[in-house]
PDB file of N, CA and C in Angstrom:
ATOM      1  N   THR A   1     -19.731 -10.684 -14.763  1.00  0.00           N
ATOM      2  CA  THR A   1     -19.168 -10.496 -16.095  1.00  0.00           C
ATOM      3  C   THR A   1     -18.236 -11.654 -16.433  1.00  0.00           C
ATOM      4  N   ALA A   2     -17.853 -11.715 -17.675  1.00  0.00           N
ATOM      5  CA  ALA A   2     -16.949 -12.779 -18.111  1.00  0.00           C
ATOM      6  C   ALA A   2     -15.582 -12.651 -17.437  1.00  0.00           C
ATOM      7  N   ALA A   3     -15.120 -11.421 -17.265  1.00  0.00           N
ATOM      8  CA  ALA A   3     -13.816 -11.222 -16.619  1.00  0.00           C
ATOM      9  C   ALA A   3     -13.850 -11.677 -15.163  1.00  0.00           C
ATOM     10  N   GLU A   4     -14.940 -11.389 -14.477  1.00  0.00           N
ATOM     11  CA  GLU A   4     -15.060 -11.817 -13.081  1.00  0.00           C
ATOM     12  C   GLU A   4     -15.155 -13.335 -12.984  1.00  0.00           C
ATOM     13  N   ALA A   5     -15.869 -13.942 -13.930  1.00  0.00           N
ATOM     14  CA  ALA A   5     -15.968 -15.403 -13.948  1.00  0.00           C
ATOM     15  C   ALA A   5     -14.604 -16.030 -14.221  1.00  0.00           C
ATOM     16  N   GLY A   6     -13.862 -15.415 -15.124  1.00  0.00           N
ATOM     17  CA  GLY A   6     -12.517 -15.906 -15.413  1.00  0.00           C
ATOM     18  C   GLY A   6     -11.598 -15.791 -14.214  1.00  0.00           C
ATOM     19  N   ALA A   7     -11.699 -14.683 -13.503  1.00  0.00           N
ATOM     20  CA  ALA A   7     -10.882 -14.502 -12.300  1.00  0.00           C
ATOM     21  C   ALA A   7     -11.249 -15.543 -11.250  1.00  0.00           C
ATOM     22  N   ALA A   8     -12.534 -15.800 -11.085  1.00  0.00           N
ATOM     23  CA  ALA A   8     -12.979 -16.797 -10.108  1.00  0.00           C
ATOM     24  C   ALA A   8     -12.507 -18.198 -10.494  1.00  0.00           C
ATOM     25  N   ALA A   9     -12.370 -18.432 -11.786  1.00  0.00           N
ATOM     26  CA  ALA A   9     -11.937 -19.751 -12.260  1.00  0.00           C
ATOM     27  C   ALA A   9     -10.475 -20.035 -11.943  1.00  0.00           C
ATOM     28  N   THR A  10      -9.723 -19.033 -11.508  1.00  0.00           N
ATOM     29  CA  THR A  10      -8.314 -19.253 -11.178  1.00  0.00           C
ATOM     30  C   THR A  10      -8.131 -19.834  -9.778  1.00  0.00           C
ATOM     31  N   LYS A  11      -9.185 -19.855  -8.987  1.00  0.00           N
ATOM     32  CA  LYS A  11      -9.062 -20.302  -7.593  1.00  0.00           C
ATOM     33  C   LYS A  11      -8.533 -21.735  -7.455  1.00  0.00           C
ATOM     34  N   PRO A  12      -8.985 -22.695  -8.257  1.00  0.00           N
ATOM     35  CA  PRO A  12      -8.478 -24.064  -8.069  1.00  0.00           C
ATOM     36  C   PRO A  12      -7.130 -24.336  -8.745  1.00  0.00           C
ATOM     37  N   LEU A  13      -6.561 -23.336  -9.394  1.00  0.00           N
ATOM     38  CA  LEU A  13      -5.327 -23.548 -10.143  1.00  0.00           C
ATOM     39  C   LEU A  13      -4.088 -23.329  -9.276  1.00  0.00           C
ATOM     40  N   ARG A  14      -3.011 -24.021  -9.639  1.00  0.00           N
ATOM     41  CA  ARG A  14      -1.720 -23.819  -8.979  1.00  0.00           C
ATOM     42  C   ARG A  14      -0.946 -22.784  -9.776  1.00  0.00           C
ATOM     43  N   ALA A  15      -0.440 -21.775  -9.111  1.00  0.00           N
ATOM     44  CA  ALA A  15       0.312 -20.719  -9.784  1.00  0.00           C
ATOM     45  C   ALA A  15       1.625 -21.272 -10.327  1.00  0.00           C
ATOM     46  N   THR A  16       1.939 -20.900 -11.561  1.00  0.00           N
ATOM     47  CA  THR A  16       3.200 -21.325 -12.168  1.00  0.00           C
ATOM     48  C   THR A  16       4.046 -20.143 -12.613  1.00  0.00           C
ATOM     49  N   LYS A  17       3.511 -18.938 -12.517  1.00  0.00           N
ATOM     50  CA  LYS A  17       4.229 -17.730 -12.925  1.00  0.00           C
ATOM     51  C   LYS A  17       4.178 -16.698 -11.809  1.00  0.00           C
ATOM     52  N   GLY A  18       5.140 -15.817 -11.807  1.00  0.00           N
ATOM     53  CA  GLY A  18       5.137 -14.709 -10.860  1.00  0.00           C
ATOM     54  C   GLY A  18       5.485 -15.131  -9.442  1.00  0.00           C
ATOM     55  N   ARG A  19       5.278 -14.195  -8.527  1.00  0.00           N
ATOM     56  CA  ARG A  19       5.625 -14.450  -7.126  1.00  0.00           C
ATOM     57  C   ARG A  19       4.849 -15.610  -6.528  1.00  0.00           C
ATOM     58  N   ALA A  20       3.604 -15.759  -6.936  1.00  0.00           N
ATOM     59  CA  ALA A  20       2.780 -16.827  -6.372  1.00  0.00           C
ATOM     60  C   ALA A  20       3.324 -18.208  -6.712  1.00  0.00           C
ATOM     61  N   SER A  21       4.134 -18.305  -7.755  1.00  0.00           N
ATOM     62  CA  SER A  21       4.676 -19.612  -8.135  1.00  0.00           C
ATOM     63  C   SER A  21       5.583 -20.176  -7.047  1.00  0.00           C
ATOM     64  N   TYR A  22       6.158 -19.309  -6.226  1.00  0.00           N
ATOM     65  CA  TYR A  22       7.014 -19.778  -5.135  1.00  0.00           C
ATOM     66  C   TYR A  22       6.217 -20.536  -4.081  1.00  0.00           C
ATOM     67  N   LEU A  23       4.912 -20.328  -4.060  1.00  0.00           N
ATOM     68  CA  LEU A  23       4.066 -21.003  -3.079  1.00  0.00           C
ATOM     69  C   LEU A  23       3.727 -22.430  -3.488  1.00  0.00           C
ATOM     70  N   GLY A  24       3.862 -22.727  -4.766  1.00  0.00           N
ATOM     71  CA  GLY A  24       3.568 -24.076  -5.241  1.00  0.00           C
ATOM     72  C   GLY A  24       2.136 -24.477  -4.935  1.00  0.00           C
ATOM     73  N   GLU A  25       1.982 -25.622  -4.295  1.00  0.00           N
ATOM     74  CA  GLU A  25       0.651 -26.156  -3.988  1.00  0.00           C
ATOM     75  C   GLU A  25      -0.145 -25.241  -3.056  1.00  0.00           C
ATOM     76  N   ARG A  26       0.541 -24.437  -2.268  1.00  0.00           N
ATOM     77  CA  ARG A  26      -0.162 -23.539  -1.344  1.00  0.00           C
ATOM     78  C   ARG A  26      -0.897 -22.417  -2.070  1.00  0.00           C
ATOM     79  N   SER A  27      -0.593 -22.216  -3.352  1.00  0.00           N
ATOM     80  CA  SER A  27      -1.299 -21.178  -4.108  1.00  0.00           C
ATOM     81  C   SER A  27      -2.696 -21.632  -4.525  1.00  0.00           C
ATOM     82  N   ILE A  28      -2.947 -22.927  -4.456  1.00  0.00           N
ATOM     83  CA  ILE A  28      -4.270 -23.451  -4.811  1.00  0.00           C
ATOM     84  C   ILE A  28      -5.287 -22.948  -3.789  1.00  0.00           C
ATOM     85  N   GLY A  29      -6.410 -22.470  -4.291  1.00  0.00           N
ATOM     86  CA  GLY A  29      -7.463 -21.966  -3.415  1.00  0.00           C
ATOM     87  C   GLY A  29      -7.457 -20.455  -3.270  1.00  0.00           C
ATOM     88  N   HIS A  30      -6.513 -19.799  -3.949  1.00  0.00           N
ATOM     89  CA  HIS A  30      -6.440 -18.338  -3.902  1.00  0.00           C
ATOM     90  C   HIS A  30      -6.674 -17.783  -5.301  1.00  0.00           C
ATOM     91  N   LEU A  31      -7.374 -16.670  -5.373  1.00  0.00           N
ATOM     92  CA  LEU A  31      -7.600 -16.028  -6.660  1.00  0.00           C
ATOM     93  C   LEU A  31      -6.304 -15.422  -7.179  1.00  0.00           C
ATOM     94  N   ASP A  32      -6.133 -15.473  -8.494  1.00  0.00           N
ATOM     95  CA  ASP A  32      -4.963 -14.861  -9.116  1.00  0.00           C
ATOM     96  C   ASP A  32      -5.118 -13.345  -9.048  1.00  0.00           C
ATOM     97  N   PRO A  33      -4.182 -12.643  -8.409  1.00  0.00           N
ATOM     98  CA  PRO A  33      -4.343 -11.197  -8.258  1.00  0.00           C
ATOM     99  C   PRO A  33      -4.353 -10.446  -9.586  1.00  0.00           C
ATOM    100  N   GLY A  34      -3.624 -10.926 -10.560  1.00  0.00           N
ATOM    101  CA  GLY A  34      -3.635 -10.276 -11.872  1.00  0.00           C
ATOM    102  C   GLY A  34      -4.987 -10.394 -12.549  1.00  0.00           C
ATOM    103  N   ALA A  35      -5.605 -11.550 -12.430  1.00  0.00           N
ATOM    104  CA  ALA A  35      -6.925 -11.754 -13.023  1.00  0.00           C
ATOM    105  C   ALA A  35      -7.974 -10.897 -12.320  1.00  0.00           C
ATOM    106  N   VAL A  36      -7.872 -10.811 -11.008  1.00  0.00           N
ATOM    107  CA  VAL A  36      -8.836 -10.007 -10.249  1.00  0.00           C
ATOM    108  C   VAL A  36      -8.674  -8.527 -10.581  1.00  0.00           C
ATOM    109  N   SER A  37      -7.442  -8.039 -10.602  1.00  0.00           N
ATOM    110  CA  SER A  37      -7.236  -6.618 -10.892  1.00  0.00           C
ATOM    111  C   SER A  37      -7.640  -6.290 -12.328  1.00  0.00           C
ATOM    112  N   THR A  38      -7.400  -7.207 -13.248  1.00  0.00           N
ATOM    113  CA  THR A  38      -7.816  -6.978 -14.632  1.00  0.00           C
ATOM    114  C   THR A  38      -9.332  -6.904 -14.739  1.00  0.00           C
ATOM    115  N   SER A  39     -10.032  -7.761 -14.007  1.00  0.00           N
ATOM    116  CA  SER A  39     -11.495  -7.708 -14.057  1.00  0.00           C
ATOM    117  C   SER A  39     -12.011  -6.389 -13.485  1.00  0.00           C
ATOM    118  N   LEU A  40     -11.348  -5.875 -12.454  1.00  0.00           N
ATOM    119  CA  LEU A  40     -11.746  -4.579 -11.894  1.00  0.00           C
ATOM    120  C   LEU A  40     -11.501  -3.447 -12.893  1.00  0.00           C
ATOM    121  N   ILE A  41     -10.373  -3.498 -13.572  1.00  0.00           N
ATOM    122  CA  ILE A  41     -10.054  -2.476 -14.573  1.00  0.00           C
ATOM    123  C   ILE A  41     -11.065  -2.519 -15.715  1.00  0.00           C
ATOM    124  N   LEU A  42     -11.386  -3.727 -16.178  1.00  0.00           N
ATOM    125  CA  LEU A  42     -12.347  -3.853 -17.273  1.00  0.00           C
ATOM    126  C   LEU A  42     -13.736  -3.378 -16.863  1.00  0.00           C
ATOM    127  N   ARG A  43     -14.135  -3.677 -15.628  1.00  0.00           N
ATOM    128  CA  ARG A  43     -15.438  -3.215 -15.152  1.00  0.00           C
ATOM    129  C   ARG A  43     -15.472  -1.687 -15.101  1.00  0.00           C
ATOM    130  N   ALA A  44     -14.397  -1.078 -14.601  1.00  0.00           N
ATOM    131  CA  ALA A  44     -14.337   0.385 -14.529  1.00  0.00           C
ATOM    132  C   ALA A  44     -14.339   0.998 -15.927  1.00  0.00           C
ATOM    133  N   ALA A  45     -13.625   0.384 -16.864  1.00  0.00           N
ATOM    134  CA  ALA A  45     -13.587   0.895 -18.234  1.00  0.00           C
ATOM    135  C   ALA A  45     -14.963   0.793 -18.889  1.00  0.00           C
ATOM    136  N   ALA A  46     -15.650  -0.317 -18.656  1.00  0.00           N
ATOM    137  CA  ALA A  46     -16.986  -0.488 -19.223  1.00  0.00           C
ATOM    138  C   ALA A  46     -17.955   0.535 -18.636  1.00  0.00           C
ATOM    139  N   ARG A  47     -17.837   0.773 -17.338  1.00  0.00           N
ATOM    140  CA  ARG A  47     -18.702   1.759 -16.689  1.00  0.00           C
ATOM    141  C   ARG A  47     -18.422   3.155 -17.249  1.00  0.00           C
ATOM    142  N   ALA A  48     -17.145   3.491 -17.415  1.00  0.00           N
ATOM    143  CA  ALA A  48     -16.782   4.803 -17.945  1.00  0.00           C
ATOM    144  C   ALA A  48     -17.255   4.958 -19.389  1.00  0.00           C
ATOM    145  N   ALA A  49     -17.144   3.901 -20.169  1.00  0.00           N
ATOM    146  CA  ALA A  49     -17.595   3.960 -21.555  1.00  0.00           C
ATOM    147  C   ALA A  49     -19.109   4.133 -21.612  1.00  0.00           C
ATOM    148  N   GLY A  50     -19.810   3.478 -20.711  1.00  0.00           N
ATOM    149  CA  GLY A  50     -21.264   3.624 -20.660  1.00  0.00           C
ATOM    150  C   GLY A  50     -21.677   5.028 -20.278  1.00  0.00           C
ATOM    151  N   GLU A  51     -20.955   5.618 -19.342  1.00  0.00           N
ATOM    152  CA  GLU A  51     -21.258   6.988 -18.925  1.00  0.00           C
ATOM    153  C   GLU A  51     -20.931   7.976 -20.037  1.00  0.00           C
ATOM    154  N   ALA A  52     -19.855   7.729 -20.765  1.00  0.00           N
ATOM    155  CA  ALA A  52     -19.475   8.620 -21.862  1.00  0.00           C
ATOM    156  C   ALA A  52     -20.484   8.525 -23.001  1.00  0.00           C
ATOM    157  N   GLY A  53     -21.013   7.323 -23.217  1.00  0.00           N
ATOM    158  CA  GLY A  53     -21.999   7.142 -24.275  1.00  0.00           C
ATOM    159  C   GLY A  53     -23.339   7.763 -23.938  1.00  0.00           C
ATOM    160  N   ALA A  54     -23.618   7.904 -22.649  1.00  0.00           N
ATOM    161  CA  ALA A  54     -24.894   8.479 -22.221  1.00  0.00           C
ATOM    162  C   ALA A  54     -24.883  10.000 -22.295  1.00  0.00           C
ATOM    163  N   ALA A  55     -23.696  10.583 -22.386  1.00  0.00           N
ATOM    164  CA  ALA A  55     -23.594  12.054 -22.380  1.00  0.00           C
ATOM    165  C   ALA A  55     -23.854  12.661 -23.731  1.00  0.00           C
TER     166      ALA A  55
END
């Protein structure tokens, strides 16, 4: 999905906000946890909406 692709696109970025910003350059190569959790929430919401529409 687009949300998952967006979350994956955060891997090469250096964190500048939140707790991860304290890691500086060491944050590069890690997925942004907010982006990953948001993609999971959106996937669950889409699945629930699909199930509700099928009923």
